[in-house]
């Protein structure tokens, strides 16, 4: 290659790297084939321990190899210019090197992979593989390499990344950050899909919740529980955000009952609401045939209802805040973007449950931590959920609240307890679980709200049919004078029942009949009325009602300015667009609505807020850039005045 071609190749690679985001730059420069072909030398910073001691990789790894050869004890300087001596430690198991400075001594387990002898490298690797439960393909690949030679600097970094992307590695990183008081969103929410596949299975191609349970969750749990140990059970409970999962765990668990007893006892002492709910469901079904479950099950139920002894943390508020933050960060960073919403929420809830366990143990002020979580990604959570409603229209942002998650999880316990009253009475928990007094579980929940769809059920059609009497009553109401209470029955019915198409047509006709104006009845606000109707349009896939709602919004802007805020109009209008489930049709509908909204008489402040919403929703679903370009340009002109 000529010098000119070499220069151009290197310049092109650097230009590409500098022109992209840090994530893409890291991906490009982390590929040996790319940097080698471009003639680029890449170095990295290696950071060790809680004190964040940092070295240049190009200096550290050769010095470690030299110490392993036992020729000398090399001295290297950290980035803060402190000098450290690297010495061989033959007493370590497995053999390793130590970084020494005065009375400070630091041993990094992964450095044992740089040992000169293949047997020492393989012995060290086996310990890592067992502790982190590396997959068979990774175990085979690294065993093959380490039996042949020492890994290169780049390969050691890749191996550490593989360890960090396991559930064990993620927990270690989060615990270290929590203890040091420096948790960041990047540490809180791993970006690599491989981690989530190890957490909940490879749900990328799951087309529905039922398909996911059959083709993904069941075989995943079967493989996980084959280990028959405590760690397997602990990880399996994390998937219990849907009631079907505890039944799978019960069916697939082949380990000793003593381990099941220990697992329930452990969850009672330090658990999370999702894991506890699944374990209680299983325990209530199994306790009569396994009497040793009685004591830990009673303690677990008390912990689920009353919280952990000596801990005042509102675990449902913390779970909701974690879920909101994690799911919002997934949207911001486009993590698991190819997964269906229910599968992404399954992963987010499982990860939130892992984090909650660590927070409960380490964080001293959970209330301030919860506030930090809520402030971090709330906007992205709401926008992602609005986008999700195109595919799964029955689950909306408010259903992720602490109160509704409590209704969902405690409601599941209440339902299973009522299905086996004799078992509950034998446990001495009749009043708590199926009674009606102030200490009963029903005093903690809304018995109607427990029937609302859970986080994984937004795409499932309701199995409850609206009675003919209720349908007739709603039909009669829709023929009266139109005010904000006219549609209450229809909106409420759509949350729980399968609504006949003719009722949505009647709602659209009522709006047309009243010239798309809704008279305010103070019992129901205009916003609640319009958003409720938009939800009906989405759930029933009614394009006619969607169009009527968009006209209602236009009429409100022109005849009653200020009746609905721009944020309210955005929420209702985008929600109504979910009446079309196919991506291109939905994107066209969103584009038309936002183009109309952008042409209204907007203040700079309103236009700026709307532009932010538009940019966020287009970032989450790039298909919208093709249909919302005019709205983006129009809003940009208003903001730049």
Foldseek 3Di string as FASTA:
>chain_A
DDPVVLVVLLVVLVVVLVVDDVVVNCVQVLDPVNCVVSVHDDWDWDFDDLVRFIAILVPPLVQQLVQLVVPDFDWDATPVRDIWTWHWDVVDVNTGIWTDDPPDIDTDLLRQCSHFALVSNLRSVVVLCVVLVQDPVVNVVVNVVSNVGRDDSSVSVVVLVSSCLGPVNLLVQLLSCLQSVNDDLCSLAPQDVSSLCNQQNPQLPQDAPVSCVVPTRLVSLLVLLVVQALVSLQSQLLLQLDQVSLVSNLVNHPHDVVSLLVNLQVCLAFFALSSLLSSLLNCLVCCVVPVSNLVSSVSSVCCNQPNHPPDPDLRLLQLLLQLLLNLLVCLVSVGSLSHQQLSSSSSSSSSSRSSSSSCSVRPPDVVVVSVVSCVRGNLSSQLLQLVNLLQQLLDHDVCSHSQNSLQQRLVSQLVSCVVCVVSCVVSVCNCQRPNDDCNHSCVSHDNVSNQFDGSNRSNPAAPAADDPVLLVVLLVLLPDQFALCSCVSVLVCLRHHDHDPVSLVSNLVSCVVVVLEHHYDPVGAPLRSLQSQLSSLLSNLPPSSLVSSLSNLVCCCPPPNPSAALVSLLNSNSSNLSSNNDVVSSLQSNLVSLLVVLPGPDALVSLVVVLVSVVSSCSSPVVNCVRNVNSNVSSVVNNVD
